[in-house]
Amino acid sequence: MSQIINLPTAKDERGALTIIERVLPFEVKRVYYIYNVAEGSVRGGHRHKTNVQALICVAGSCRINLNDGSKKSSVLLDSPNKCLVLEPEDWHTMEEFSKDAVLLVLASQYYDANDYIDKPYNN
């Protein structure tokens, strides 16, 4: 099941610096980000066989809907120091992107089309 990690952040009069170092439960092999999402669009709609992902909305906000086959939940990512770690079994969709949203994704695997499971759970 997914988990939220509060990323370490140093703040002073100059601003904030958030660090992603030794806090993720995997080695990062791929990085991408989603932005300029059209109003009302839904992204995702899949789960994985082996890929673990960490999602951080570094600007703006978006909602992540989750289903691990037994439990459904929803997480609002609205802070750049809030990190949502998705396990491979977490079916997920991303929606409600604010106009300024930038969703950063750190993945444990290189892109592999065969790792995607597009069929949702029946629950």
PDB file of N, CA and C in Angstrom:
ATOM      1  N   MET A   1       0.843  -1.184   0.000  1.00  0.00           N
ATOM      2  CA  MET A   1       0.000   0.000   0.000  1.00  0.00           C
ATOM      3  C   MET A   1       0.885   1.243   0.000  1.00  0.00           C
ATOM      4  N   SER A   2       0.364   2.280  -0.541  1.00  0.00           N
ATOM      5  CA  SER A   2       1.103   3.536  -0.637  1.00  0.00           C
ATOM      6  C   SER A   2       1.418   4.109   0.743  1.00  0.00           C
ATOM      7  N   GLN A   3       2.385   5.018   0.765  1.00  0.00           N
ATOM      8  CA  GLN A   3       2.740   5.704   2.014  1.00  0.00           C
ATOM      9  C   GLN A   3       3.172   7.125   1.705  1.00  0.00           C
ATOM     10  N   ILE A   4       2.944   8.022   2.649  1.00  0.00           N
ATOM     11  CA  ILE A   4       3.388   9.410   2.539  1.00  0.00           C
ATOM     12  C   ILE A   4       4.692   9.564   3.294  1.00  0.00           C
ATOM     13  N   ILE A   5       5.663  10.212   2.651  1.00  0.00           N
ATOM     14  CA  ILE A   5       6.921  10.559   3.302  1.00  0.00           C
ATOM     15  C   ILE A   5       7.013  12.084   3.324  1.00  0.00           C
ATOM     16  N   ASN A   6       7.236  12.645   4.493  1.00  0.00           N
ATOM     17  CA  ASN A   6       7.491  14.080   4.596  1.00  0.00           C
ATOM     18  C   ASN A   6       8.975  14.296   4.385  1.00  0.00           C
ATOM     19  N   LEU A   7       9.307  14.929   3.267  1.00  0.00           N
ATOM     20  CA  LEU A   7      10.709  15.106   2.892  1.00  0.00           C
ATOM     21  C   LEU A   7      11.378  16.145   3.774  1.00  0.00           C
ATOM     22  N   PRO A   8      12.640  15.927   4.147  1.00  0.00           N
ATOM     23  CA  PRO A   8      13.363  16.902   4.958  1.00  0.00           C
ATOM     24  C   PRO A   8      13.487  18.231   4.206  1.00  0.00           C
ATOM     25  N   THR A   9      13.184  19.313   4.903  1.00  0.00           N
ATOM     26  CA  THR A   9      13.225  20.640   4.302  1.00  0.00           C
ATOM     27  C   THR A   9      13.921  21.606   5.246  1.00  0.00           C
ATOM     28  N   ALA A  10      14.890  22.324   4.687  1.00  0.00           N
ATOM     29  CA  ALA A  10      15.580  23.371   5.445  1.00  0.00           C
ATOM     30  C   ALA A  10      14.997  24.712   5.009  1.00  0.00           C
ATOM     31  N   LYS A  11      14.610  25.541   5.982  1.00  0.00           N
ATOM     32  CA  LYS A  11      14.011  26.841   5.681  1.00  0.00           C
ATOM     33  C   LYS A  11      14.755  27.936   6.432  1.00  0.00           C
ATOM     34  N   ASP A  12      14.953  29.047   5.764  1.00  0.00           N
ATOM     35  CA  ASP A  12      15.460  30.241   6.411  1.00  0.00           C
ATOM     36  C   ASP A  12      14.932  31.456   5.646  1.00  0.00           C
ATOM     37  N   GLU A  13      15.460  32.632   5.940  1.00  0.00           N
ATOM     38  CA  GLU A  13      14.952  33.860   5.320  1.00  0.00           C
ATOM     39  C   GLU A  13      15.139  33.881   3.803  1.00  0.00           C
ATOM     40  N   ARG A  14      16.003  33.031   3.270  1.00  0.00           N
ATOM     41  CA  ARG A  14      16.242  32.983   1.822  1.00  0.00           C
ATOM     42  C   ARG A  14      15.252  32.102   1.084  1.00  0.00           C
ATOM     43  N   GLY A  15      14.569  31.209   1.820  1.00  0.00           N
ATOM     44  CA  GLY A  15      13.624  30.296   1.185  1.00  0.00           C
ATOM     45  C   GLY A  15      13.734  28.897   1.756  1.00  0.00           C
ATOM     46  N   ALA A  16      13.273  27.919   0.967  1.00  0.00           N
ATOM     47  CA  ALA A  16      13.242  26.526   1.421  1.00  0.00           C
ATOM     48  C   ALA A  16      14.026  25.643   0.459  1.00  0.00           C
ATOM     49  N   LEU A  17      14.636  24.609   1.019  1.00  0.00           N
ATOM     50  CA  LEU A  17      15.385  23.624   0.257  1.00  0.00           C
ATOM     51  C   LEU A  17      14.916  22.249   0.725  1.00  0.00           C
ATOM     52  N   THR A  18      14.274  21.496  -0.172  1.00  0.00           N
ATOM     53  CA  THR A  18      13.796  20.157   0.154  1.00  0.00           C
ATOM     54  C   THR A  18      14.752  19.135  -0.439  1.00  0.00           C
ATOM     55  N   ILE A  19      15.093  18.135   0.360  1.00  0.00           N
ATOM     56  CA  ILE A  19      16.117  17.166  -0.004  1.00  0.00           C
ATOM     57  C   ILE A  19      15.503  15.776  -0.161  1.00  0.00           C
ATOM     58  N   ILE A  20      15.861  15.104  -1.271  1.00  0.00           N
ATOM     59  CA  ILE A  20      15.471  13.706  -1.485  1.00  0.00           C
ATOM     60  C   ILE A  20      16.758  12.898  -1.482  1.00  0.00           C
ATOM     61  N   GLU A  21      17.125  12.407  -0.313  1.00  0.00           N
ATOM     62  CA  GLU A  21      18.361  11.663  -0.151  1.00  0.00           C
ATOM     63  C   GLU A  21      18.175  10.632   0.952  1.00  0.00           C
ATOM     64  N   ARG A  22      18.315   9.371   0.604  1.00  0.00           N
ATOM     65  CA  ARG A  22      18.207   8.264   1.557  1.00  0.00           C
ATOM     66  C   ARG A  22      16.852   8.198   2.255  1.00  0.00           C
ATOM     67  N   VAL A  23      15.804   8.642   1.590  1.00  0.00           N
ATOM     68  CA  VAL A  23      14.467   8.559   2.184  1.00  0.00           C
ATOM     69  C   VAL A  23      13.534   7.672   1.376  1.00  0.00           C
ATOM     70  N   LEU A  24      13.870   7.396   0.116  1.00  0.00           N
ATOM     71  CA  LEU A  24      13.020   6.556  -0.717  1.00  0.00           C
ATOM     72  C   LEU A  24      13.390   5.091  -0.535  1.00  0.00           C
ATOM     73  N   PRO A  25      12.398   4.201  -0.594  1.00  0.00           N
ATOM     74  CA  PRO A  25      12.671   2.771  -0.397  1.00  0.00           C
ATOM     75  C   PRO A  25      13.157   2.068  -1.671  1.00  0.00           C
ATOM     76  N   PHE A  26      13.757   2.822  -2.598  1.00  0.00           N
ATOM     77  CA  PHE A  26      14.256   2.251  -3.836  1.00  0.00           C
ATOM     78  C   PHE A  26      15.304   3.182  -4.439  1.00  0.00           C
ATOM     79  N   GLU A  27      16.077   2.631  -5.368  1.00  0.00           N
ATOM     80  CA  GLU A  27      17.045   3.415  -6.134  1.00  0.00           C
ATOM     81  C   GLU A  27      16.319   4.024  -7.334  1.00  0.00           C
ATOM     82  N   VAL A  28      16.520   5.298  -7.570  1.00  0.00           N
ATOM     83  CA  VAL A  28      15.846   5.985  -8.672  1.00  0.00           C
ATOM     84  C   VAL A  28      16.557   5.678  -9.989  1.00  0.00           C
ATOM     85  N   LYS A  29      15.780   5.174 -10.969  1.00  0.00           N
ATOM     86  CA  LYS A  29      16.324   4.877 -12.292  1.00  0.00           C
ATOM     87  C   LYS A  29      15.694   5.733 -13.388  1.00  0.00           C
ATOM     88  N   ARG A  30      14.558   6.375 -13.070  1.00  0.00           N
ATOM     89  CA  ARG A  30      13.872   7.174 -14.072  1.00  0.00           C
ATOM     90  C   ARG A  30      13.203   8.357 -13.397  1.00  0.00           C
ATOM     91  N   VAL A  31      13.263   9.522 -14.035  1.00  0.00           N
ATOM     92  CA  VAL A  31      12.621  10.730 -13.520  1.00  0.00           C
ATOM     93  C   VAL A  31      11.832  11.362 -14.653  1.00  0.00           C
ATOM     94  N   TYR A  32      10.574  11.726 -14.371  1.00  0.00           N
ATOM     95  CA  TYR A  32       9.791  12.483 -15.341  1.00  0.00           C
ATOM     96  C   TYR A  32       8.814  13.366 -14.592  1.00  0.00           C
ATOM     97  N   TYR A  33       8.215  14.323 -15.295  1.00  0.00           N
ATOM     98  CA  TYR A  33       7.230  15.183 -14.649  1.00  0.00           C
ATOM     99  C   TYR A  33       6.087  15.482 -15.607  1.00  0.00           C
ATOM    100  N   ILE A  34       4.930  15.715 -15.005  1.00  0.00           N
ATOM    101  CA  ILE A  34       3.683  15.965 -15.719  1.00  0.00           C
ATOM    102  C   ILE A  34       3.269  17.398 -15.424  1.00  0.00           C
ATOM    103  N   TYR A  35       2.942  18.154 -16.460  1.00  0.00           N
ATOM    104  CA  TYR A  35       2.553  19.551 -16.271  1.00  0.00           C
ATOM    105  C   TYR A  35       1.688  19.993 -17.450  1.00  0.00           C
ATOM    106  N   ASN A  36       1.132  21.206 -17.362  1.00  0.00           N
ATOM    107  CA  ASN A  36       0.219  21.728 -18.386  1.00  0.00           C
ATOM    108  C   ASN A  36      -0.926  20.756 -18.669  1.00  0.00           C
ATOM    109  N   VAL A  37      -1.451  20.150 -17.620  1.00  0.00           N
ATOM    110  CA  VAL A  37      -2.534  19.184 -17.769  1.00  0.00           C
ATOM    111  C   VAL A  37      -3.826  19.937 -18.079  1.00  0.00           C
ATOM    112  N   ALA A  38      -4.507  19.512 -19.124  1.00  0.00           N
ATOM    113  CA  ALA A  38      -5.758  20.147 -19.528  1.00  0.00           C
ATOM    114  C   ALA A  38      -6.809  19.988 -18.429  1.00  0.00           C
ATOM    115  N   GLU A  39      -7.584  21.020 -18.193  1.00  0.00           N
ATOM    116  CA  GLU A  39      -8.605  21.007 -17.153  1.00  0.00           C
ATOM    117  C   GLU A  39      -9.532  19.803 -17.333  1.00  0.00           C
ATOM    118  N   GLY A  40      -9.772  19.092 -16.243  1.00  0.00           N
ATOM    119  CA  GLY A  40     -10.653  17.928 -16.246  1.00  0.00           C
ATOM    120  C   GLY A  40      -9.994  16.632 -16.683  1.00  0.00           C
ATOM    121  N   SER A  41      -8.736  16.677 -17.081  1.00  0.00           N
ATOM    122  CA  SER A  41      -8.042  15.468 -17.541  1.00  0.00           C
ATOM    123  C   SER A  41      -7.705  14.546 -16.381  1.00  0.00           C
ATOM    124  N   VAL A  42      -7.689  13.261 -16.672  1.00  0.00           N
ATOM    125  CA  VAL A  42      -7.277  12.234 -15.714  1.00  0.00           C
ATOM    126  C   VAL A  42      -6.067  11.528 -16.308  1.00  0.00           C
ATOM    127  N   ARG A  43      -4.999  11.445 -15.534  1.00  0.00           N
ATOM    128  CA  ARG A  43      -3.777  10.765 -15.966  1.00  0.00           C
ATOM    129  C   ARG A  43      -3.669   9.437 -15.217  1.00  0.00           C
ATOM    130  N   GLY A  44      -2.716   8.620 -15.616  1.00  0.00           N
ATOM    131  CA  GLY A  44      -2.500   7.334 -14.959  1.00  0.00           C
ATOM    132  C   GLY A  44      -3.490   6.302 -15.479  1.00  0.00           C
ATOM    133  N   GLY A  45      -4.163   5.633 -14.553  1.00  0.00           N
ATOM    134  CA  GLY A  45      -5.102   4.586 -14.927  1.00  0.00           C
ATOM    135  C   GLY A  45      -4.401   3.261 -15.160  1.00  0.00           C
ATOM    136  N   HIS A  46      -3.499   2.929 -14.242  1.00  0.00           N
ATOM    137  CA  HIS A  46      -2.765   1.673 -14.348  1.00  0.00           C
ATOM    138  C   HIS A  46      -2.081   1.356 -13.014  1.00  0.00           C
ATOM    139  N   ARG A  47      -1.495   0.175 -12.970  1.00  0.00           N
ATOM    140  CA  ARG A  47      -0.600  -0.218 -11.887  1.00  0.00           C
ATOM    141  C   ARG A  47       0.586  -0.890 -12.556  1.00  0.00           C
ATOM    142  N   HIS A  48       1.493  -1.421 -11.763  1.00  0.00           N
ATOM    143  CA  HIS A  48       2.714  -2.000 -12.331  1.00  0.00           C
ATOM    144  C   HIS A  48       2.955  -3.408 -11.798  1.00  0.00           C
ATOM    145  N   LYS A  49       3.824  -4.119 -12.471  1.00  0.00           N
ATOM    146  CA  LYS A  49       4.256  -5.433 -12.013  1.00  0.00           C
ATOM    147  C   LYS A  49       5.392  -5.302 -10.995  1.00  0.00           C
ATOM    148  N   THR A  50       6.362  -4.418 -11.261  1.00  0.00           N
ATOM    149  CA  THR A  50       7.517  -4.291 -10.367  1.00  0.00           C
ATOM    150  C   THR A  50       7.885  -2.851 -10.026  1.00  0.00           C
ATOM    151  N   ASN A  51       7.490  -1.893 -10.815  1.00  0.00           N
ATOM    152  CA  ASN A  51       7.919  -0.507 -10.656  1.00  0.00           C
ATOM    153  C   ASN A  51       7.323   0.146  -9.405  1.00  0.00           C
ATOM    154  N   VAL A  52       8.174   0.726  -8.581  1.00  0.00           N
ATOM    155  CA  VAL A  52       7.774   1.532  -7.426  1.00  0.00           C
ATOM    156  C   VAL A  52       7.977   2.982  -7.830  1.00  0.00           C
ATOM    157  N   GLN A  53       7.072   3.870  -7.426  1.00  0.00           N
ATOM    158  CA  GLN A  53       7.163   5.269  -7.823  1.00  0.00           C
ATOM    159  C   GLN A  53       6.993   6.186  -6.623  1.00  0.00           C
ATOM    160  N   ALA A  54       7.642   7.331  -6.691  1.00  0.00           N
ATOM    161  CA  ALA A  54       7.472   8.385  -5.694  1.00  0.00           C
ATOM    162  C   ALA A  54       6.936   9.608  -6.428  1.00  0.00           C
ATOM    163  N   LEU A  55       5.803  10.153  -5.970  1.00  0.00           N
ATOM    164  CA  LEU A  55       5.156  11.294  -6.606  1.00  0.00           C
ATOM    165  C   LEU A  55       5.262  12.509  -5.698  1.00  0.00           C
ATOM    166  N   ILE A  56       5.690  13.626  -6.280  1.00  0.00           N
ATOM    167  CA  ILE A  56       5.820  14.887  -5.545  1.00  0.00           C
ATOM    168  C   ILE A  56       5.247  15.993  -6.414  1.00  0.00           C
ATOM    169  N   CYS A  57       4.273  16.704  -5.920  1.00  0.00           N
ATOM    170  CA  CYS A  57       3.750  17.849  -6.653  1.00  0.00           C
ATOM    171  C   CYS A  57       4.618  19.047  -6.255  1.00  0.00           C
ATOM    172  N   VAL A  58       5.618  19.351  -7.081  1.00  0.00           N
ATOM    173  CA  VAL A  58       6.593  20.379  -6.735  1.00  0.00           C
ATOM    174  C   VAL A  58       6.040  21.785  -6.914  1.00  0.00           C
ATOM    175  N   ALA A  59       4.934  21.924  -7.643  1.00  0.00           N
ATOM    176  CA  ALA A  59       4.224  23.197  -7.770  1.00  0.00           C
ATOM    177  C   ALA A  59       2.740  22.890  -7.897  1.00  0.00           C
ATOM    178  N   GLY A  60       1.908  23.754  -7.339  1.00  0.00           N
ATOM    179  CA  GLY A  60       0.463  23.549  -7.421  1.00  0.00           C
ATOM    180  C   GLY A  60       0.001  22.344  -6.627  1.00  0.00           C
ATOM    181  N   SER A  61      -1.049  21.696  -7.135  1.00  0.00           N
ATOM    182  CA  SER A  61      -1.613  20.548  -6.427  1.00  0.00           C
ATOM    183  C   SER A  61      -2.301  19.610  -7.411  1.00  0.00           C
ATOM    184  N   CYS A  62      -2.490  18.367  -6.965  1.00  0.00           N
ATOM    185  CA  CYS A  62      -3.277  17.380  -7.710  1.00  0.00           C
ATOM    186  C   CYS A  62      -3.716  16.295  -6.735  1.00  0.00           C
ATOM    187  N   ARG A  63      -4.707  15.536  -7.156  1.00  0.00           N
ATOM    188  CA  ARG A  63      -5.247  14.452  -6.332  1.00  0.00           C
ATOM    189  C   ARG A  63      -4.851  13.113  -6.947  1.00  0.00           C
ATOM    190  N   ILE A  64      -4.402  12.196  -6.092  1.00  0.00           N
ATOM    191  CA  ILE A  64      -4.042  10.847  -6.511  1.00  0.00           C
ATOM    192  C   ILE A  64      -5.071   9.891  -5.913  1.00  0.00           C
ATOM    193  N   ASN A  65      -5.771   9.143  -6.765  1.00  0.00           N
ATOM    194  CA  ASN A  65      -6.743   8.145  -6.331  1.00  0.00           C
ATOM    195  C   ASN A  65      -6.074   6.781  -6.401  1.00  0.00           C
ATOM    196  N   LEU A  66      -6.225   6.000  -5.332  1.00  0.00           N
ATOM    197  CA  LEU A  66      -5.503   4.737  -5.188  1.00  0.00           C
ATOM    198  C   LEU A  66      -6.447   3.574  -4.914  1.00  0.00           C
ATOM    199  N   ASN A  67      -6.051   2.399  -5.395  1.00  0.00           N
ATOM    200  CA  ASN A  67      -6.765   1.163  -5.111  1.00  0.00           C
ATOM    201  C   ASN A  67      -5.731   0.047  -5.151  1.00  0.00           C
ATOM    202  N   ASP A  68      -5.531  -0.638  -4.013  1.00  0.00           N
ATOM    203  CA  ASP A  68      -4.540  -1.722  -3.970  1.00  0.00           C
ATOM    204  C   ASP A  68      -5.181  -3.101  -4.109  1.00  0.00           C
ATOM    205  N   GLY A  69      -6.441  -3.115  -4.497  1.00  0.00           N
ATOM    206  CA  GLY A  69      -7.158  -4.374  -4.661  1.00  0.00           C
ATOM    207  C   GLY A  69      -8.034  -4.709  -3.480  1.00  0.00           C
ATOM    208  N   SER A  70      -7.752  -4.118  -2.317  1.00  0.00           N
ATOM    209  CA  SER A  70      -8.588  -4.340  -1.138  1.00  0.00           C
ATOM    210  C   SER A  70      -9.060  -3.037  -0.511  1.00  0.00           C
ATOM    211  N   LYS A  71      -8.336  -1.946  -0.756  1.00  0.00           N
ATOM    212  CA  LYS A  71      -8.668  -0.665  -0.147  1.00  0.00           C
ATOM    213  C   LYS A  71      -8.510   0.461  -1.161  1.00  0.00           C
ATOM    214  N   LYS A  72      -9.492   1.364  -1.156  1.00  0.00           N
ATOM    215  CA  LYS A  72      -9.419   2.559  -1.997  1.00  0.00           C
ATOM    216  C   LYS A  72      -9.144   3.768  -1.108  1.00  0.00           C
ATOM    217  N   SER A  73      -8.359   4.709  -1.630  1.00  0.00           N
ATOM    218  CA  SER A  73      -8.066   5.935  -0.886  1.00  0.00           C
ATOM    219  C   SER A  73      -7.753   7.045  -1.877  1.00  0.00           C
ATOM    220  N   SER A  74      -7.607   8.239  -1.346  1.00  0.00           N
ATOM    221  CA  SER A  74      -7.306   9.406  -2.165  1.00  0.00           C
ATOM    222  C   SER A  74      -6.352  10.298  -1.380  1.00  0.00           C
ATOM    223  N   VAL A  75      -5.362  10.869  -2.070  1.00  0.00           N
ATOM    224  CA  VAL A  75      -4.363  11.721  -1.431  1.00  0.00           C
ATOM    225  C   VAL A  75      -4.263  13.017  -2.220  1.00  0.00           C
ATOM    226  N   LEU A  76      -4.323  14.140  -1.516  1.00  0.00           N
ATOM    227  CA  LEU A  76      -4.096  15.433  -2.131  1.00  0.00           C
ATOM    228  C   LEU A  76      -2.623  15.778  -1.976  1.00  0.00           C
ATOM    229  N   LEU A  77      -1.926  15.926  -3.091  1.00  0.00           N
ATOM    230  CA  LEU A  77      -0.528  16.367  -3.052  1.00  0.00           C
ATOM    231  C   LEU A  77      -0.545  17.869  -3.277  1.00  0.00           C
ATOM    232  N   ASP A  78      -0.210  18.612  -2.240  1.00  0.00           N
ATOM    233  CA  ASP A  78      -0.323  20.072  -2.301  1.00  0.00           C
ATOM    234  C   ASP A  78       0.855  20.782  -1.642  1.00  0.00           C
ATOM    235  N   SER A  79       1.950  20.051  -1.467  1.00  0.00           N
ATOM    236  CA  SER A  79       3.139  20.625  -0.850  1.00  0.00           C
ATOM    237  C   SER A  79       4.372  19.966  -1.465  1.00  0.00           C
ATOM    238  N   PRO A  80       5.403  20.722  -1.808  1.00  0.00           N
ATOM    239  CA  PRO A  80       6.583  20.120  -2.425  1.00  0.00           C
ATOM    240  C   PRO A  80       7.423  19.268  -1.482  1.00  0.00           C
ATOM    241  N   ASN A  81       7.075  19.227  -0.207  1.00  0.00           N
ATOM    242  CA  ASN A  81       7.809  18.333   0.697  1.00  0.00           C
ATOM    243  C   ASN A  81       6.976  17.118   1.107  1.00  0.00           C
ATOM    244  N   LYS A  82       5.859  16.898   0.412  1.00  0.00           N
ATOM    245  CA  LYS A  82       5.022  15.714   0.637  1.00  0.00           C
ATOM    246  C   LYS A  82       5.258  14.751  -0.522  1.00  0.00           C
ATOM    247  N   CYS A  83       5.700  13.555  -0.217  1.00  0.00           N
ATOM    248  CA  CYS A  83       6.042  12.549  -1.220  1.00  0.00           C
ATOM    249  C   CYS A  83       5.157  11.321  -1.030  1.00  0.00           C
ATOM    250  N   LEU A  84       4.468  10.909  -2.080  1.00  0.00           N
ATOM    251  CA  LEU A  84       3.624   9.723  -2.040  1.00  0.00           C
ATOM    252  C   LEU A  84       4.355   8.588  -2.740  1.00  0.00           C
ATOM    253  N   VAL A  85       4.649   7.509  -1.998  1.00  0.00           N
ATOM    254  CA  VAL A  85       5.313   6.344  -2.572  1.00  0.00           C
ATOM    255  C   VAL A  85       4.245   5.326  -2.941  1.00  0.00           C
ATOM    256  N   LEU A  86       4.222   4.953  -4.231  1.00  0.00           N
ATOM    257  CA  LEU A  86       3.267   3.971  -4.739  1.00  0.00           C
ATOM    258  C   LEU A  86       3.963   2.631  -4.919  1.00  0.00           C
ATOM    259  N   GLU A  87       3.359   1.596  -4.393  1.00  0.00           N
ATOM    260  CA  GLU A  87       3.846   0.239  -4.605  1.00  0.00           C
ATOM    261  C   GLU A  87       3.311  -0.264  -5.953  1.00  0.00           C
ATOM    262  N   PRO A  88       3.916  -1.283  -6.532  1.00  0.00           N
ATOM    263  CA  PRO A  88       3.473  -1.757  -7.845  1.00  0.00           C
ATOM    264  C   PRO A  88       1.984  -2.105  -7.893  1.00  0.00           C
ATOM    265  N   GLU A  89       1.433  -2.645  -6.804  1.00  0.00           N
ATOM    266  CA  GLU A  89       0.021  -3.066  -6.803  1.00  0.00           C
ATOM    267  C   GLU A  89      -0.959  -1.903  -6.683  1.00  0.00           C
ATOM    268  N   ASP A  90      -0.484  -0.690  -6.527  1.00  0.00           N
ATOM    269  CA  ASP A  90      -1.359   0.472  -6.359  1.00  0.00           C
ATOM    270  C   ASP A  90      -1.869   0.984  -7.714  1.00  0.00           C
ATOM    271  N   TRP A  91      -3.117   0.599  -8.048  1.00  0.00           N
ATOM    272  CA  TRP A  91      -3.781   1.189  -9.213  1.00  0.00           C
ATOM    273  C   TRP A  91      -3.961   2.666  -8.896  1.00  0.00           C
ATOM    274  N   HIS A  92      -3.605   3.539  -9.827  1.00  0.00           N
ATOM    275  CA  HIS A  92      -3.669   4.960  -9.516  1.00  0.00           C
ATOM    276  C   HIS A  92      -4.128   5.789 -10.715  1.00  0.00           C
ATOM    277  N   THR A  93      -4.859   6.838 -10.379  1.00  0.00           N
ATOM    278  CA  THR A  93      -5.186   7.884 -11.340  1.00  0.00           C
ATOM    279  C   THR A  93      -4.813   9.212 -10.702  1.00  0.00           C
ATOM    280  N   MET A  94      -4.488  10.171 -11.549  1.00  0.00           N
ATOM    281  CA  MET A  94      -4.138  11.511 -11.084  1.00  0.00           C
ATOM    282  C   MET A  94      -5.119  12.477 -11.733  1.00  0.00           C
ATOM    283  N   GLU A  95      -5.695  13.367 -10.912  1.00  0.00           N
ATOM    284  CA  GLU A  95      -6.688  14.303 -11.432  1.00  0.00           C
ATOM    285  C   GLU A  95      -6.705  15.573 -10.589  1.00  0.00           C
ATOM    286  N   GLU A  96      -7.620  16.464 -10.910  1.00  0.00           N
ATOM    287  CA  GLU A  96      -7.775  17.732 -10.192  1.00  0.00           C
ATOM    288  C   GLU A  96      -6.467  18.521 -10.152  1.00  0.00           C
ATOM    289  N   PHE A  97      -5.762  18.547 -11.261  1.00  0.00           N
ATOM    290  CA  PHE A  97      -4.515  19.308 -11.351  1.00  0.00           C
ATOM    291  C   PHE A  97      -4.832  20.799 -11.327  1.00  0.00           C
ATOM    292  N   SER A  98      -4.142  21.551 -10.473  1.00  0.00           N
ATOM    293  CA  SER A  98      -4.260  23.004 -10.526  1.00  0.00           C
ATOM    294  C   SER A  98      -3.558  23.475 -11.805  1.00  0.00           C
ATOM    295  N   LYS A  99      -3.860  24.680 -12.252  1.00  0.00           N
ATOM    296  CA  LYS A  99      -3.281  25.183 -13.503  1.00  0.00           C
ATOM    297  C   LYS A  99      -1.758  25.222 -13.462  1.00  0.00           C
ATOM    298  N   ASP A 100      -1.190  25.447 -12.272  1.00  0.00           N
ATOM    299  CA  ASP A 100       0.265  25.557 -12.129  1.00  0.00           C
ATOM    300  C   ASP A 100       0.927  24.264 -11.663  1.00  0.00           C
ATOM    301  N   ALA A 101       0.194  23.152 -11.663  1.00  0.00           N
ATOM    302  CA  ALA A 101       0.719  21.899 -11.119  1.00  0.00           C
ATOM    303  C   ALA A 101       1.871  21.340 -11.949  1.00  0.00           C
ATOM    304  N   VAL A 102       2.898  20.885 -11.220  1.00  0.00           N
ATOM    305  CA  VAL A 102       4.003  20.121 -11.801  1.00  0.00           C
ATOM    306  C   VAL A 102       4.169  18.898 -10.910  1.00  0.00           C
ATOM    307  N   LEU A 103       3.849  17.722 -11.450  1.00  0.00           N
ATOM    308  CA  LEU A 103       3.940  16.480 -10.691  1.00  0.00           C
ATOM    309  C   LEU A 103       5.215  15.748 -11.099  1.00  0.00           C
ATOM    310  N   LEU A 104       6.163  15.658 -10.161  1.00  0.00           N
ATOM    311  CA  LEU A 104       7.438  14.981 -10.373  1.00  0.00           C
ATOM    312  C   LEU A 104       7.281  13.514  -9.985  1.00  0.00           C
ATOM    313  N   VAL A 105       7.779  12.619 -10.851  1.00  0.00           N
ATOM    314  CA  VAL A 105       7.706  11.182 -10.574  1.00  0.00           C
ATOM    315  C   VAL A 105       9.114  10.600 -10.624  1.00  0.00           C
ATOM    316  N   LEU A 106       9.483   9.907  -9.550  1.00  0.00           N
ATOM    317  CA  LEU A 106      10.756   9.189  -9.458  1.00  0.00           C
ATOM    318  C   LEU A 106      10.420   7.708  -9.485  1.00  0.00           C
ATOM    319  N   ALA A 107      11.024   6.961 -10.393  1.00  0.00           N
ATOM    320  CA  ALA A 107      10.656   5.558 -10.586  1.00  0.00           C
ATOM    321  C   ALA A 107      11.829   4.625 -10.316  1.00  0.00           C
ATOM    322  N   SER A 108      11.506   3.430  -9.840  1.00  0.00           N
ATOM    323  CA  SER A 108      12.527   2.439  -9.509  1.00  0.00           C
ATOM    324  C   SER A 108      13.004   1.657 -10.731  1.00  0.00           C
ATOM    325  N   GLN A 109      12.282   1.774 -11.845  1.00  0.00           N
ATOM    326  CA  GLN A 109      12.615   1.013 -13.046  1.00  0.00           C
ATOM    327  C   GLN A 109      12.679   1.932 -14.259  1.00  0.00           C
ATOM    328  N   TYR A 110      13.457   1.548 -15.250  1.00  0.00           N
ATOM    329  CA  TYR A 110      13.438   2.228 -16.530  1.00  0.00           C
ATOM    330  C   TYR A 110      12.096   1.929 -17.195  1.00  0.00           C
ATOM    331  N   TYR A 111      11.697   2.743 -18.139  1.00  0.00           N
ATOM    332  CA  TYR A 111      10.417   2.516 -18.810  1.00  0.00           C
ATOM    333  C   TYR A 111      10.392   1.147 -19.469  1.00  0.00           C
ATOM    334  N   ASP A 112       9.288   0.410 -19.227  1.00  0.00           N
ATOM    335  CA  ASP A 112       9.067  -0.902 -19.829  1.00  0.00           C
ATOM    336  C   ASP A 112       7.561  -1.061 -20.012  1.00  0.00           C
ATOM    337  N   ALA A 113       7.091  -1.016 -21.241  1.00  0.00           N
ATOM    338  CA  ALA A 113       5.656  -1.126 -21.522  1.00  0.00           C
ATOM    339  C   ALA A 113       5.068  -2.413 -20.957  1.00  0.00           C
ATOM    340  N   ASN A 114       5.866  -3.470 -20.845  1.00  0.00           N
ATOM    341  CA  ASN A 114       5.379  -4.751 -20.311  1.00  0.00           C
ATOM    342  C   ASN A 114       5.171  -4.736 -18.808  1.00  0.00           C
ATOM    343  N   ASP A 115       5.630  -3.681 -18.112  1.00  0.00           N
ATOM    344  CA  ASP A 115       5.457  -3.584 -16.668  1.00  0.00           C
ATOM    345  C   ASP A 115       4.090  -2.994 -16.288  1.00  0.00           C
ATOM    346  N   TYR A 116       3.376  -2.443 -17.254  1.00  0.00           N
ATOM    347  CA  TYR A 116       2.089  -1.797 -16.976  1.00  0.00           C
ATOM    348  C   TYR A 116       0.948  -2.801 -16.979  1.00  0.00           C
ATOM    349  N   ILE A 117       0.031  -2.652 -16.010  1.00  0.00           N
ATOM    350  CA  ILE A 117      -1.208  -3.421 -15.952  1.00  0.00           C
ATOM    351  C   ILE A 117      -2.341  -2.428 -16.081  1.00  0.00           C
ATOM    352  N   ASP A 118      -3.041  -2.470 -17.203  1.00  0.00           N
ATOM    353  CA  ASP A 118      -4.086  -1.483 -17.497  1.00  0.00           C
ATOM    354  C   ASP A 118      -5.472  -1.892 -17.011  1.00  0.00           C
ATOM    355  N   LYS A 119      -5.636  -3.136 -16.602  1.00  0.00           N
ATOM    356  CA  LYS A 119      -6.942  -3.612 -16.142  1.00  0.00           C
ATOM    357  C   LYS A 119      -7.123  -3.259 -14.663  1.00  0.00           C
ATOM    358  N   PRO A 120      -8.184  -2.487 -14.332  1.00  0.00           N
ATOM    359  CA  PRO A 120      -8.399  -2.124 -12.913  1.00  0.00           C
ATOM    360  C   PRO A 120      -8.879  -3.320 -12.085  1.00  0.00           C
ATOM    361  N   TYR A 121      -8.766  -3.170 -10.775  1.00  0.00           N
ATOM    362  CA  TYR A 121      -9.309  -4.180  -9.863  1.00  0.00           C
ATOM    363  C   TYR A 121     -10.837  -4.182  -9.961  1.00  0.00           C
ATOM    364  N   ASN A 122     -11.459  -5.270  -9.568  1.00  0.00           N
ATOM    365  CA  ASN A 122     -12.918  -5.402  -9.627  1.00  0.00           C
ATOM    366  C   ASN A 122     -13.636  -4.850  -8.414  1.00  0.00           C
ATOM    367  N   ASN A 123     -12.905  -4.471  -7.357  1.00  0.00           N
ATOM    368  CA  ASN A 123     -13.583  -4.032  -6.116  1.00  0.00           C
ATOM    369  C   ASN A 123     -14.160  -2.654  -6.204  1.00  0.00           C
TER     370      ASN A 123
END
